[in-house]
C-alpha atoms as a PDB file:
ATOM      1  CA  MET A   1      20.972   7.294  52.671  1.00  0.00           C
ATOM      2  CA  SER A   2      20.309   5.433  49.926  1.00  0.00           C
ATOM      3  CA  THR A   3      21.419   1.538  49.459  1.00  0.00           C
ATOM      4  CA  LEU A   4      20.619   1.315  45.942  1.00  0.00           C
ATOM      5  CA  SER A   5      23.706  -0.409  44.320  1.00  0.00           C
ATOM      6  CA  PRO A   6      24.250   0.047  40.569  1.00  0.00           C
ATOM      7  CA  LEU A   7      24.010  -2.322  37.429  1.00  0.00           C
ATOM      8  CA  PRO A   8      24.622  -5.379  36.673  1.00  0.00           C
ATOM      9  CA  ILE A   9      23.076  -7.336  39.413  1.00  0.00           C
ATOM     10  CA  SER A  10      25.904  -9.338  40.787  1.00  0.00           C
ATOM     11  CA  ASP A  11      24.202 -12.915  41.023  1.00  0.00           C
ATOM     12  CA  LEU A  12      21.450 -13.358  38.237  1.00  0.00           C
ATOM     13  CA  SER A  13      21.636 -17.168  38.652  1.00  0.00           C
ATOM     14  CA  MET A  14      18.137 -17.439  39.845  1.00  0.00           C
ATOM     15  CA  LEU A  15      17.341 -16.719  36.635  1.00  0.00           C
ATOM     16  CA  ASP A  16      18.633 -19.046  35.170  1.00  0.00           C
ATOM     17  CA  CYS A  17      15.778 -21.826  35.049  1.00  0.00           C
ATOM     18  CA  ARG A  18      13.505 -23.694  33.432  1.00  0.00           C
ATOM     19  CA  GLU A  19      10.214 -21.585  34.377  1.00  0.00           C
ATOM     20  CA  VAL A  20      12.102 -17.918  33.574  1.00  0.00           C
ATOM     21  CA  TRP A  21      13.284 -19.430  30.194  1.00  0.00           C
ATOM     22  CA  MET A  22       9.750 -20.909  29.116  1.00  0.00           C
ATOM     23  CA  ALA A  23       8.234 -17.179  29.665  1.00  0.00           C
ATOM     24  CA  VAL A  24      10.497 -15.391  28.175  1.00  0.00           C
ATOM     25  CA  ALA A  25      10.613 -17.520  24.993  1.00  0.00           C
ATOM     26  CA  GLU A  26       6.551 -17.717  25.333  1.00  0.00           C
ATOM     27  CA  ALA A  27       6.968 -13.691  25.121  1.00  0.00           C
ATOM     28  CA  GLU A  28       9.334 -13.274  22.582  1.00  0.00           C
ATOM     29  CA  ARG A  29       7.074 -15.898  20.070  1.00  0.00           C
ATOM     30  CA  HIS A  30       4.183 -13.346  20.939  1.00  0.00           C
ATOM     31  CA  LEU A  31       6.809  -9.775  20.423  1.00  0.00           C
ATOM     32  CA  ALA A  32       7.657 -11.708  17.249  1.00  0.00           C
ATOM     33  CA  GLU A  33       3.932 -12.048  15.888  1.00  0.00           C
ATOM     34  CA  LEU A  34       3.213  -8.392  17.085  1.00  0.00           C
ATOM     35  CA  LYS A  35       6.082  -6.942  14.809  1.00  0.00           C
ATOM     36  CA  GLY A  36       5.244  -9.498  11.896  1.00  0.00           C
ATOM     37  CA  LEU A  37       1.658  -8.159  11.927  1.00  0.00           C
ATOM     38  CA  CYS A  38       2.670  -4.583  12.320  1.00  0.00           C
ATOM     39  CA  GLU A  39       4.955  -4.503   9.640  1.00  0.00           C
ATOM     40  CA  SER A  40       2.039  -6.646   7.330  1.00  0.00           C
ATOM     41  CA  LEU A  41       0.115  -3.544   7.171  1.00  0.00           C
ATOM     42  CA  PRO A  42      -0.072  -0.633   4.222  1.00  0.00           C
ATOM     43  CA  ASN A  43      -0.688   2.462   6.830  1.00  0.00           C
ATOM     44  CA  GLN A  44       1.226   1.924  10.055  1.00  0.00           C
ATOM     45  CA  SER A  45       1.076   5.674  10.965  1.00  0.00           C
ATOM     46  CA  ILE A  46      -2.932   4.616  12.325  1.00  0.00           C
ATOM     47  CA  LEU A  47      -1.625   2.534  14.808  1.00  0.00           C
ATOM     48  CA  ILE A  48       1.079   4.754  16.316  1.00  0.00           C
ATOM     49  CA  SER A  49      -1.963   7.670  16.196  1.00  0.00           C
ATOM     50  CA  THR A  50      -4.909   5.657  17.868  1.00  0.00           C
ATOM     51  CA  LEU A  51      -3.008   2.325  20.000  1.00  0.00           C
ATOM     52  CA  ALA A  52      -1.001   4.954  21.293  1.00  0.00           C
ATOM     53  CA  ILE A  53      -4.145   6.793  22.891  1.00  0.00           C
ATOM     54  CA  GLN A  54      -4.612   3.255  25.044  1.00  0.00           C
ATOM     55  CA  GLU A  55      -1.081   2.904  26.265  1.00  0.00           C
ATOM     56  CA  ALA A  56      -1.531   7.194  27.877  1.00  0.00           C
ATOM     57  CA  LYS A  57      -5.059   6.581  29.005  1.00  0.00           C
ATOM     58  CA  ASP A  58      -4.146   3.418  30.673  1.00  0.00           C
ATOM     59  CA  SER A  59       0.051   5.015  31.995  1.00  0.00           C
ATOM     60  CA  SER A  60      -1.922   8.415  33.135  1.00  0.00           C
ATOM     61  CA  GLU A  61      -4.387   6.251  34.889  1.00  0.00           C
ATOM     62  CA  ILE A  62      -1.756   4.670  37.059  1.00  0.00           C
ATOM     63  CA  GLU A  63      -0.930   8.152  38.395  1.00  0.00           C
ATOM     64  CA  ASN A  64      -4.976   8.802  38.562  1.00  0.00           C
ATOM     65  CA  ILE A  65      -5.181  11.140  35.692  1.00  0.00           C
ATOM     66  CA  ILE A  66      -8.739   9.125  34.853  1.00  0.00           C
ATOM     67  CA  THR A  67     -10.122  10.775  31.728  1.00  0.00           C
ATOM     68  CA  SER A  68     -12.795   8.236  29.430  1.00  0.00           C
ATOM     69  CA  HIS A  69     -11.545   7.551  25.326  1.00  0.00           C
ATOM     70  CA  ASP A  70     -15.035   9.797  24.604  1.00  0.00           C
ATOM     71  CA  GLU A  71     -12.876  12.770  26.096  1.00  0.00           C
ATOM     72  CA  ILE A  72     -10.028  11.889  24.467  1.00  0.00           C
ATOM     73  CA  PHE A  73     -11.226  11.674  21.133  1.00  0.00           C
ATOM     74  CA  ALA A  74     -13.425  14.493  21.334  1.00  0.00           C
ATOM     75  CA  ASP A  75     -10.667  17.002  22.934  1.00  0.00           C
ATOM     76  CA  ARG A  76      -7.101  15.680  22.127  1.00  0.00           C
ATOM     77  CA  GLU A  77      -6.481  18.427  19.897  1.00  0.00           C
ATOM     78  CA  GLU A  78      -8.602  21.306  21.622  1.00  0.00           C
ATOM     79  CA  GLU A  79      -6.521  23.828  23.158  1.00  0.00           C
ATOM     80  CA  ALA A  80      -8.959  24.145  25.957  1.00  0.00           C
ATOM     81  CA  ALA A  81      -8.882  20.530  26.423  1.00  0.00           C
ATOM     82  CA  PRO A  82      -9.561  19.176  30.498  1.00  0.00           C
ATOM     83  CA  GLY A  83      -6.002  18.978  32.405  1.00  0.00           C
ATOM     84  CA  ALA A  84      -6.716  15.041  31.867  1.00  0.00           C
ATOM     85  CA  VAL A  85      -6.717  14.752  28.121  1.00  0.00           C
ATOM     86  CA  LYS A  86      -3.528  17.353  27.943  1.00  0.00           C
ATOM     87  CA  GLU A  87      -1.454  15.023  30.592  1.00  0.00           C
ATOM     88  CA  VAL A  88      -2.746  11.873  27.596  1.00  0.00           C
ATOM     89  CA  ARG A  89      -1.814  14.137  25.132  1.00  0.00           C
ATOM     90  CA  HIS A  90       1.285  14.992  26.418  1.00  0.00           C
ATOM     91  CA  TYR A  91       2.106  11.716  27.217  1.00  0.00           C
ATOM     92  CA  VAL A  92       1.870  10.915  23.167  1.00  0.00           C
ATOM     93  CA  GLU A  93       4.115  13.441  22.451  1.00  0.00           C
ATOM     94  CA  ALA A  94       6.723  11.813  24.502  1.00  0.00           C
ATOM     95  CA  LEU A  95       5.810   8.631  23.282  1.00  0.00           C
ATOM     96  CA  GLN A  96       7.362   9.358  19.877  1.00  0.00           C
ATOM     97  CA  VAL A  97       9.808  11.966  21.122  1.00  0.00           C
ATOM     98  CA  GLY A  98      11.714   8.557  22.552  1.00  0.00           C
ATOM     99  CA  PHE A  99      10.689   6.085  19.298  1.00  0.00           C
ATOM    100  CA  ASP A 100      11.697   8.919  17.083  1.00  0.00           C
ATOM    101  CA  ASP A 101      15.330   9.073  19.043  1.00  0.00           C
ATOM    102  CA  VAL A 102      15.902   5.577  19.319  1.00  0.00           C
ATOM    103  CA  ARG A 103      15.194   5.297  15.706  1.00  0.00           C
ATOM    104  CA  GLN A 104      17.531   7.765  14.497  1.00  0.00           C
ATOM    105  CA  SER A 105      20.557   7.475  17.273  1.00  0.00           C
ATOM    106  CA  GLY A 106      20.007   4.034  17.593  1.00  0.00           C
ATOM    107  CA  LEU A 107      20.763   4.406  21.642  1.00  0.00           C
ATOM    108  CA  ILE A 108      18.692   5.371  24.678  1.00  0.00           C
ATOM    109  CA  ARG A 109      21.078   8.268  25.908  1.00  0.00           C
ATOM    110  CA  LEU A 110      20.111  10.013  28.943  1.00  0.00           C
ATOM    111  CA  LYS A 111      18.966  12.609  26.761  1.00  0.00           C
ATOM    112  CA  THR A 112      16.518  10.717  25.098  1.00  0.00           C
ATOM    113  CA  LEU A 113      14.780   9.625  28.796  1.00  0.00           C
ATOM    114  CA  LEU A 114      15.392  13.766  29.763  1.00  0.00           C
ATOM    115  CA  ASP A 115      13.175  14.425  26.480  1.00  0.00           C
ATOM    116  CA  VAL A 116      10.418  12.190  27.643  1.00  0.00           C
ATOM    117  CA  GLN A 117      10.559  13.494  30.506  1.00  0.00           C
ATOM    118  CA  ALA A 118      10.176  17.227  29.627  1.00  0.00           C
ATOM    119  CA  ARG A 119       7.180  16.280  27.718  1.00  0.00           C
ATOM    120  CA  ILE A 120       5.443  14.620  30.379  1.00  0.00           C
ATOM    121  CA  GLU A 121       6.029  17.312  32.905  1.00  0.00           C
ATOM    122  CA  PRO A 122       7.228  20.116  30.808  1.00  0.00           C
ATOM    123  CA  ARG A 123       7.157  22.171  34.367  1.00  0.00           C
ATOM    124  CA  LYS A 124       9.096  19.975  36.246  1.00  0.00           C
ATOM    125  CA  ALA A 125      11.864  18.630  34.270  1.00  0.00           C
ATOM    126  CA  GLY A 126      14.996  17.660  34.473  1.00  0.00           C
ATOM    127  CA  LEU A 127      16.788  14.939  37.237  1.00  0.00           C
ATOM    128  CA  ARG A 128      16.079  15.657  41.247  1.00  0.00           C
ATOM    129  CA  LYS A 129      18.963  18.299  42.361  1.00  0.00           C
ATOM    130  CA  LEU A 130      17.201  18.458  46.032  1.00  0.00           C
ATOM    131  CA  PRO A 131      16.846  16.573  48.638  1.00  0.00           C
ATOM    132  CA  GLY A 132      13.679  15.205  50.098  1.00  0.00           C
ATOM    133  CA  THR A 133      12.061  12.652  48.387  1.00  0.00           C
ATOM    134  CA  VAL A 134      10.144   9.736  49.474  1.00  0.00           C
ATOM    135  CA  LEU A 135       7.584   7.225  48.263  1.00  0.00           C
ATOM    136  CA  LYS A 136       4.768   6.608  50.865  1.00  0.00           C
ATOM    137  CA  ASN A 137       2.090   4.422  50.803  1.00  0.00           C
ATOM    138  CA  PRO A 138      -0.973   6.390  49.180  1.00  0.00           C
ATOM    139  CA  ALA A 139      -3.483   4.715  51.855  1.00  0.00           C
ATOM    140  CA  THR A 140      -1.646   5.232  55.031  1.00  0.00           C
ATOM    141  CA  GLY A 141       1.119   7.659  54.347  1.00  0.00           C
ATOM    142  CA  ARG A 142       3.873   5.450  55.690  1.00  0.00           C
ATOM    143  CA  ILE A 143       7.187   5.687  53.947  1.00  0.00           C
ATOM    144  CA  VAL A 144       7.543   3.043  51.958  1.00  0.00           C
ATOM    145  CA  TYR A 145      10.679   3.544  49.604  1.00  0.00           C
ATOM    146  CA  GLU A 146      13.745   6.228  50.343  1.00  0.00           C
ATOM    147  CA  PRO A 147      15.707   6.785  46.650  1.00  0.00           C
ATOM    148  CA  PRO A 148      18.450   7.659  46.057  1.00  0.00           C
ATOM    149  CA  GLN A 149      18.539  11.630  47.934  1.00  0.00           C
ATOM    150  CA  SER A 150      21.769  13.445  46.747  1.00  0.00           C
ATOM    151  CA  ALA A 151      21.785  14.857  43.255  1.00  0.00           C
ATOM    152  CA  ALA A 152      25.248  13.595  42.403  1.00  0.00           C
ATOM    153  CA  GLU A 153      24.141   9.823  43.333  1.00  0.00           C
ATOM    154  CA  VAL A 154      21.302  10.296  40.853  1.00  0.00           C
ATOM    155  CA  GLU A 155      23.550  11.410  38.211  1.00  0.00           C
ATOM    156  CA  ALA A 156      26.035   8.959  38.674  1.00  0.00           C
ATOM    157  CA  LEU A 157      23.248   5.757  38.913  1.00  0.00           C
ATOM    158  CA  MET A 158      21.677   6.930  35.534  1.00  0.00           C
ATOM    159  CA  ASP A 159      24.940   7.074  34.124  1.00  0.00           C
ATOM    160  CA  ASN A 160      25.809   3.234  35.138  1.00  0.00           C
ATOM    161  CA  LEU A 161      21.460   2.903  33.779  1.00  0.00           C
ATOM    162  CA  ILE A 162      22.417   4.036  30.666  1.00  0.00           C
ATOM    163  CA  SER A 163      25.425   2.034  30.263  1.00  0.00           C
ATOM    164  CA  PHE A 164      23.243  -1.193  30.963  1.00  0.00           C
ATOM    165  CA  LEU A 165      21.375  -0.815  28.816  1.00  0.00           C
ATOM    166  CA  HIS A 166      23.830  -0.475  25.926  1.00  0.00           C
ATOM    167  CA  ALA A 167      25.874  -3.419  27.962  1.00  0.00           C
ATOM    168  CA  GLU A 168      27.023  -6.287  25.441  1.00  0.00           C
ATOM    169  CA  ASP A 169      26.489  -9.128  27.806  1.00  0.00           C
ATOM    170  CA  ASP A 170      24.663 -12.340  26.997  1.00  0.00           C
ATOM    171  CA  LEU A 171      21.379 -10.891  29.364  1.00  0.00           C
ATOM    172  CA  ASN A 172      18.042 -11.510  27.458  1.00  0.00           C
ATOM    173  CA  PRO A 173      16.995  -8.525  26.291  1.00  0.00           C
ATOM    174  CA  ILE A 174      13.379  -8.474  27.877  1.00  0.00           C
ATOM    175  CA  LEU A 175      14.792  -9.557  31.412  1.00  0.00           C
ATOM    176  CA  ARG A 176      17.129  -6.409  30.575  1.00  0.00           C
ATOM    177  CA  MET A 177      14.152  -4.717  30.468  1.00  0.00           C
ATOM    178  CA  ALA A 178      12.432  -6.021  33.585  1.00  0.00           C
ATOM    179  CA  ILE A 179      15.866  -5.074  34.899  1.00  0.00           C
ATOM    180  CA  ALA A 180      16.191  -1.942  34.187  1.00  0.00           C
ATOM    181  CA  HIS A 181      12.533  -0.841  34.822  1.00  0.00           C
ATOM    182  CA  HIS A 182      12.999  -1.385  38.433  1.00  0.00           C
ATOM    183  CA  GLN A 183      16.823  -0.038  38.486  1.00  0.00           C
ATOM    184  CA  PHE A 184      15.156   3.353  37.096  1.00  0.00           C
ATOM    185  CA  GLU A 185      11.591   3.640  39.262  1.00  0.00           C
ATOM    186  CA  SER A 186      14.320   2.856  42.000  1.00  0.00           C
ATOM    187  CA  ILE A 187      16.191   5.832  40.820  1.00  0.00           C
ATOM    188  CA  HIS A 188      13.168   7.598  41.027  1.00  0.00           C
ATOM    189  CA  PRO A 189      15.496  10.810  38.817  1.00  0.00           C
ATOM    190  CA  PHE A 190      12.576  12.746  38.652  1.00  0.00           C
ATOM    191  CA  TYR A 191      11.117  15.503  40.672  1.00  0.00           C
ATOM    192  CA  ASP A 192       7.298  13.952  38.699  1.00  0.00           C
ATOM    193  CA  GLY A 193       6.780  11.817  35.848  1.00  0.00           C
ATOM    194  CA  ASN A 194       8.878   8.731  37.068  1.00  0.00           C
ATOM    195  CA  GLY A 195       6.454   5.822  36.208  1.00  0.00           C
ATOM    196  CA  ARG A 196       5.199   7.414  33.471  1.00  0.00           C
ATOM    197  CA  THR A 197       8.808   7.914  31.923  1.00  0.00           C
ATOM    198  CA  GLY A 198       9.501   4.184  33.068  1.00  0.00           C
ATOM    199  CA  ARG A 199       6.529   2.536  31.173  1.00  0.00           C
ATOM    200  CA  ILE A 200       7.641   4.645  28.002  1.00  0.00           C
ATOM    201  CA  LEU A 201      11.357   3.055  28.917  1.00  0.00           C
ATOM    202  CA  ASN A 202       9.901  -0.416  28.798  1.00  0.00           C
ATOM    203  CA  LEU A 203       9.099   0.389  25.061  1.00  0.00           C
ATOM    204  CA  LEU A 204      12.063   2.191  24.155  1.00  0.00           C
ATOM    205  CA  ILE A 205      14.722  -1.004  25.168  1.00  0.00           C
ATOM    206  CA  LEU A 206      12.228  -3.502  23.184  1.00  0.00           C
ATOM    207  CA  GLN A 207      12.490  -1.256  20.140  1.00  0.00           C
ATOM    208  CA  ARG A 208      16.040  -0.700  20.685  1.00  0.00           C
ATOM    209  CA  GLU A 209      16.931  -4.693  20.908  1.00  0.00           C
ATOM    210  CA  GLY A 210      14.886  -4.942  17.558  1.00  0.00           C
ATOM    211  CA  LEU A 211      11.818  -6.781  19.440  1.00  0.00           C
ATOM    212  CA  LEU A 212       9.375  -3.851  18.216  1.00  0.00           C
ATOM    213  CA  ASP A 213       9.252  -1.339  15.139  1.00  0.00           C
ATOM    214  CA  LEU A 214       6.446   0.680  16.831  1.00  0.00           C
ATOM    215  CA  PRO A 215       5.559   1.306  19.995  1.00  0.00           C
ATOM    216  CA  VAL A 216       2.513  -0.796  20.184  1.00  0.00           C
ATOM    217  CA  LEU A 217       2.970  -2.860  23.142  1.00  0.00           C
ATOM    218  CA  TYR A 218       1.254  -1.560  25.976  1.00  0.00           C
ATOM    219  CA  LEU A 219       2.420  -2.263  29.226  1.00  0.00           C
ATOM    220  CA  SER A 220       0.056  -0.185  31.262  1.00  0.00           C
ATOM    221  CA  ARG A 221      -2.713  -1.738  30.659  1.00  0.00           C
ATOM    222  CA  TYR A 222      -1.335  -5.054  32.378  1.00  0.00           C
ATOM    223  CA  ILE A 223       0.339  -3.203  35.500  1.00  0.00           C
ATOM    224  CA  THR A 224      -3.184  -1.352  35.917  1.00  0.00           C
ATOM    225  CA  THR A 225      -5.174  -4.422  36.270  1.00  0.00           C
ATOM    226  CA  THR A 226      -1.742  -5.930  38.859  1.00  0.00           C
ATOM    227  CA  LYS A 227      -1.277  -2.617  40.220  1.00  0.00           C
ATOM    228  CA  GLY A 228      -0.761  -4.608  43.739  1.00  0.00           C
ATOM    229  CA  GLU A 229       1.275  -6.832  42.607  1.00  0.00           C
ATOM    230  CA  TYR A 230       3.421  -4.626  40.303  1.00  0.00           C
ATOM    231  CA  TYR A 231       4.293  -2.432  43.701  1.00  0.00           C
ATOM    232  CA  ARG A 232       4.944  -4.944  46.114  1.00  0.00           C
ATOM    233  CA  LEU A 233       7.111  -7.112  44.079  1.00  0.00           C
ATOM    234  CA  LEU A 234       8.934  -3.453  42.928  1.00  0.00           C
ATOM    235  CA  GLN A 235       9.424  -3.515  47.048  1.00  0.00           C
ATOM    236  CA  GLU A 236      10.073  -7.412  47.343  1.00  0.00           C
ATOM    237  CA  ALA A 237      13.160  -7.373  45.190  1.00  0.00           C
ATOM    238  CA  ARG A 238      14.401  -3.847  46.713  1.00  0.00           C
ATOM    239  CA  ASP A 239      14.179  -5.536  50.182  1.00  0.00           C
ATOM    240  CA  LYS A 240      14.582  -9.407  49.645  1.00  0.00           C
ATOM    241  CA  GLY A 241      16.600  -9.776  46.010  1.00  0.00           C
ATOM    242  CA  LEU A 242      13.421 -11.602  44.527  1.00  0.00           C
ATOM    243  CA  TRP A 243      14.256 -10.767  40.996  1.00  0.00           C
ATOM    244  CA  LYS A 244      13.238 -13.954  39.949  1.00  0.00           C
ATOM    245  CA  GLU A 245       9.536 -12.677  40.978  1.00  0.00           C
ATOM    246  CA  TRP A 246       9.673  -9.503  39.410  1.00  0.00           C
ATOM    247  CA  CYS A 247      10.812 -10.525  36.563  1.00  0.00           C
ATOM    248  CA  LEU A 248       8.654 -13.426  35.655  1.00  0.00           C
ATOM    249  CA  TYR A 249       5.968 -10.693  36.308  1.00  0.00           C
ATOM    250  CA  MET A 250       7.189  -8.419  33.972  1.00  0.00           C
ATOM    251  CA  VAL A 251       7.681 -11.270  31.134  1.00  0.00           C
ATOM    252  CA  ARG A 252       4.669 -12.503  31.801  1.00  0.00           C
ATOM    253  CA  GLY A 253       3.231  -8.989  31.243  1.00  0.00           C
ATOM    254  CA  VAL A 254       4.603  -8.589  28.145  1.00  0.00           C
ATOM    255  CA  SER A 255       3.004 -11.866  27.051  1.00  0.00           C
ATOM    256  CA  MET A 256      -0.243 -10.855  28.121  1.00  0.00           C
ATOM    257  CA  THR A 257       0.078  -7.533  26.577  1.00  0.00           C
ATOM    258  CA  ALA A 258       1.489  -8.830  23.002  1.00  0.00           C
ATOM    259  CA  ARG A 259      -1.219 -11.238  22.833  1.00  0.00           C
ATOM    260  CA  SER A 260      -3.869  -8.577  23.462  1.00  0.00           C
ATOM    261  CA  GLU A 261      -2.487  -5.940  20.910  1.00  0.00           C
ATOM    262  CA  ILE A 262      -2.389  -8.834  18.390  1.00  0.00           C
ATOM    263  CA  ALA A 263      -5.970  -9.482  18.195  1.00  0.00           C
ATOM    264  CA  LEU A 264      -6.684  -5.688  18.676  1.00  0.00           C
ATOM    265  CA  VAL A 265      -4.577  -5.049  15.314  1.00  0.00           C
ATOM    266  CA  LYS A 266      -6.476  -7.811  13.936  1.00  0.00           C
ATOM    267  CA  SER A 267      -9.312  -6.530  14.078  1.00  0.00           C
ATOM    268  CA  LEU A 268      -8.505  -3.041  13.389  1.00  0.00           C
ATOM    269  CA  ARG A 269      -6.803  -3.989  10.480  1.00  0.00           C
ATOM    270  CA  ASP A 270     -10.308  -6.103   9.392  1.00  0.00           C
ATOM    271  CA  LEU A 271     -12.789  -2.549  10.656  1.00  0.00           C
ATOM    272  CA  MET A 272     -10.757  -0.906   8.036  1.00  0.00           C
ATOM    273  CA  GLN A 273     -11.161  -3.609   5.193  1.00  0.00           C
ATOM    274  CA  GLU A 274     -14.927  -3.322   6.027  1.00  0.00           C
ATOM    275  CA  THR A 275     -15.118   0.358   5.962  1.00  0.00           C
ATOM    276  CA  LYS A 276     -13.301   0.594   3.128  1.00  0.00           C
ATOM    277  CA  GLU A 277     -15.604  -1.655   1.142  1.00  0.00           C
ATOM    278  CA  ARG A 278     -18.836  -0.018   2.573  1.00  0.00           C
ATOM    279  CA  ILE A 279     -17.583   3.253   1.326  1.00  0.00           C
ATOM    280  CA  ARG A 280     -16.928   1.935  -1.949  1.00  0.00           C
ATOM    281  CA  THR A 281     -19.664   0.166  -2.667  1.00  0.00           C
ATOM    282  CA  ARG A 282     -22.842   2.468  -1.039  1.00  0.00           C
ATOM    283  CA  LEU A 283     -20.097   6.214  -2.068  1.00  0.00           C
ATOM    284  CA  GLU A 284     -17.953   5.063  -4.919  1.00  0.00           C
ATOM    285  CA  LYS A 285     -17.874   8.417  -5.848  1.00  0.00           C
ATOM    286  CA  ILE A 286     -15.930  10.435  -2.684  1.00  0.00           C
ATOM    287  CA  TYR A 287     -13.893   6.601  -1.981  1.00  0.00           C
ATOM    288  CA  SER A 288     -10.289   7.445  -1.307  1.00  0.00           C
ATOM    289  CA  GLN A 289      -7.349   6.295   0.585  1.00  0.00           C
ATOM    290  CA  ASP A 290      -6.999   9.568   2.124  1.00  0.00           C
ATOM    291  CA  LEU A 291     -10.649   9.467   3.639  1.00  0.00           C
ATOM    292  CA  LEU A 292     -10.248   5.998   5.121  1.00  0.00           C
ATOM    293  CA  ASN A 293      -7.371   6.674   6.917  1.00  0.00           C
ATOM    294  CA  ASN A 294      -9.080  10.094   8.258  1.00  0.00           C
ATOM    295  CA  LEU A 295     -11.950   8.259   9.739  1.00  0.00           C
ATOM    296  CA  PHE A 296      -8.844   5.353  11.674  1.00  0.00           C
ATOM    297  CA  HIS A 297      -6.448   8.507  12.529  1.00  0.00           C
ATOM    298  CA  HIS A 298      -9.437  10.069  13.826  1.00  0.00           C
ATOM    299  CA  PRO A 299     -12.652   8.405  15.657  1.00  0.00           C
ATOM    300  CA  TYR A 300     -13.995  11.718  15.952  1.00  0.00           C
ATOM    301  CA  THR A 301     -13.746  13.734  12.710  1.00  0.00           C
ATOM    302  CA  LYS A 302     -14.753  16.867  12.397  1.00  0.00           C
ATOM    303  CA  ILE A 303     -14.825  18.894   9.071  1.00  0.00           C
ATOM    304  CA  GLU A 304     -11.809  20.641   9.598  1.00  0.00           C
ATOM    305  CA  PHE A 305      -9.969  17.140  10.060  1.00  0.00           C
ATOM    306  CA  VAL A 306     -11.235  16.058   6.435  1.00  0.00           C
ATOM    307  CA  GLU A 307     -10.635  19.444   4.953  1.00  0.00           C
ATOM    308  CA  LYS A 308      -6.746  18.843   5.959  1.00  0.00           C
ATOM    309  CA  ASP A 309      -6.066  15.510   5.316  1.00  0.00           C
ATOM    310  CA  LEU A 310      -8.035  15.381   1.981  1.00  0.00           C
ATOM    311  CA  GLY A 311      -7.302  18.755   0.417  1.00  0.00           C
ATOM    312  CA  VAL A 312     -10.607  19.548  -0.187  1.00  0.00           C
ATOM    313  CA  SER A 313     -12.572  22.783   0.467  1.00  0.00           C
ATOM    314  CA  ARG A 314     -14.890  22.608   3.526  1.00  0.00           C
ATOM    315  CA  VAL A 315     -18.213  22.171   1.763  1.00  0.00           C
ATOM    316  CA  THR A 316     -16.916  19.268  -0.032  1.00  0.00           C
ATOM    317  CA  ALA A 317     -15.701  17.987   3.448  1.00  0.00           C
ATOM    318  CA  SER A 318     -19.129  18.534   5.100  1.00  0.00           C
ATOM    319  CA  LYS A 319     -20.556  16.944   1.559  1.00  0.00           C
ATOM    320  CA  TYR A 320     -18.575  14.160   2.595  1.00  0.00           C
ATOM    321  CA  LEU A 321     -18.822  13.636   6.089  1.00  0.00           C
ATOM    322  CA  GLU A 322     -22.714  14.013   5.759  1.00  0.00           C
ATOM    323  CA  GLN A 323     -23.255  11.286   3.476  1.00  0.00           C
ATOM    324  CA  LEU A 324     -21.322   8.975   5.709  1.00  0.00           C
ATOM    325  CA  VAL A 325     -23.596   9.349   8.103  1.00  0.00           C
ATOM    326  CA  ALA A 326     -26.666   9.067   5.943  1.00  0.00           C
ATOM    327  CA  GLU A 327     -25.318   5.639   5.179  1.00  0.00           C
ATOM    328  CA  GLY A 328     -25.067   4.843   8.686  1.00  0.00           C
ATOM    329  CA  ILE A 329     -20.846   4.989   8.644  1.00  0.00           C
ATOM    330  CA  LEU A 330     -20.768   7.212  10.665  1.00  0.00           C
ATOM    331  CA  ARG A 331     -22.692   9.265  13.486  1.00  0.00           C
ATOM    332  CA  LYS A 332     -23.108  12.678  14.313  1.00  0.00           C
ATOM    333  CA  GLU A 333     -22.793  14.674  17.246  1.00  0.00           C
ATOM    334  CA  LYS A 334     -22.880  17.704  18.269  1.00  0.00           C
ATOM    335  CA  ARG A 335     -20.609  19.065  21.121  1.00  0.00           C
ATOM    336  CA  GLY A 336     -20.779  22.874  22.401  1.00  0.00           C
ATOM    337  CA  LYS A 337     -20.239  24.342  19.055  1.00  0.00           C
ATOM    338  CA  SER A 338     -18.763  21.793  17.282  1.00  0.00           C
ATOM    339  CA  ASN A 339     -20.303  18.956  15.313  1.00  0.00           C
ATOM    340  CA  PHE A 340     -18.125  15.682  15.742  1.00  0.00           C
ATOM    341  CA  PHE A 341     -18.307  12.493  13.425  1.00  0.00           C
ATOM    342  CA  ILE A 342     -18.036   9.273  14.950  1.00  0.00           C
ATOM    343  CA  ASN A 343     -16.527   6.159  13.825  1.00  0.00           C
ATOM    344  CA  GLU A 344     -18.504   3.938  16.375  1.00  0.00           C
ATOM    345  CA  PRO A 345     -17.467   0.612  15.462  1.00  0.00           C
ATOM    346  CA  LEU A 346     -13.660   2.264  16.414  1.00  0.00           C
ATOM    347  CA  PHE A 347     -14.712   3.536  19.124  1.00  0.00           C
ATOM    348  CA  GLN A 348     -15.854   0.503  20.624  1.00  0.00           C
ATOM    349  CA  LEU A 349     -13.185  -1.539  19.691  1.00  0.00           C
ATOM    350  CA  LEU A 350     -10.828   0.905  21.162  1.00  0.00           C
ATOM    351  CA  SER A 351     -12.904   1.086  24.607  1.00  0.00           C
ATOM    352  CA  ASN A 352     -13.115  -2.430  24.899  1.00  0.00           C
ATOM    353  CA  VAL A 353      -9.577  -3.448  25.015  1.00  0.00           C
ATOM    354  CA  SER A 354      -9.347  -6.281  27.393  1.00  0.00           C
ATOM    355  CA  LEU A 355      -5.879  -8.376  28.490  1.00  0.00           C
ATOM    356  CA  ARG A 356      -6.222 -12.072  27.321  1.00  0.00           C
END
């Protein structure tokens, strides 16, 4: 029988201390800088199309769905893409579905999370109805946690979680995110996709609270690099009520990730400007903002993508890309029957992101 209690936590006095509030203040400062930086960019959709891949890849990796940036960029729009690439694509779609819903409604509804999870796991969608779900140590097979088993309890706890997300109280939004993420993972409401849905929930909470306008804070990289600590603190908060330690872990993750994303967005902005100047200087006749956008929406672009994005013929699209290759702005690579035109500096930038 589950012993999971509904929210709010009865005693949060352990969070009312200098260490927590200093960590929260630092996280808020970095989030504000990231939000402002994103707002200053002329084409924010490029951030979503390229940086969302980072979150999707790292979040999927936590679930042992392993792929490379090379595979993702080359195959992400192919129907016959490898299974891991399709999983990443589903995550990007789920992230966008969640953000669009919160942007339109101003709410995080149960339907929001159901829609997100249905994109991640189309064949295993919906709340758990049957008992028998347990969480095991993958190395030893030992049961480490048994989430609520009855369908009625899962539904009631999810309703309670949704109410907690919209509560009008004095709880700091980042602490609310940390507690809500823990509760969601402890309810474990779905047969599959709980981890990935829970990580998207983090972003939706920050979005709803006005701390982010775009889904560009990718906590999955932080969780991937501290995976052991993540699972240990999840369980210690359940077993021992160590909420301070859990919340500090999550708040510090927000700070570290925001700093990393700030550096990445600045580098992306500078690279776009540099590429723009190179094309305008060397290939003035073919330069357009649409062409530049294409090269950054698609690190691995193709003739078909340029045709569609620029509204030009296949012959013209091919000529543009070959000229960009001749000037060293793109690198051409043949894979199977397809020619890819690779924005190598962008690929390297996105492939070598690290926490700071």
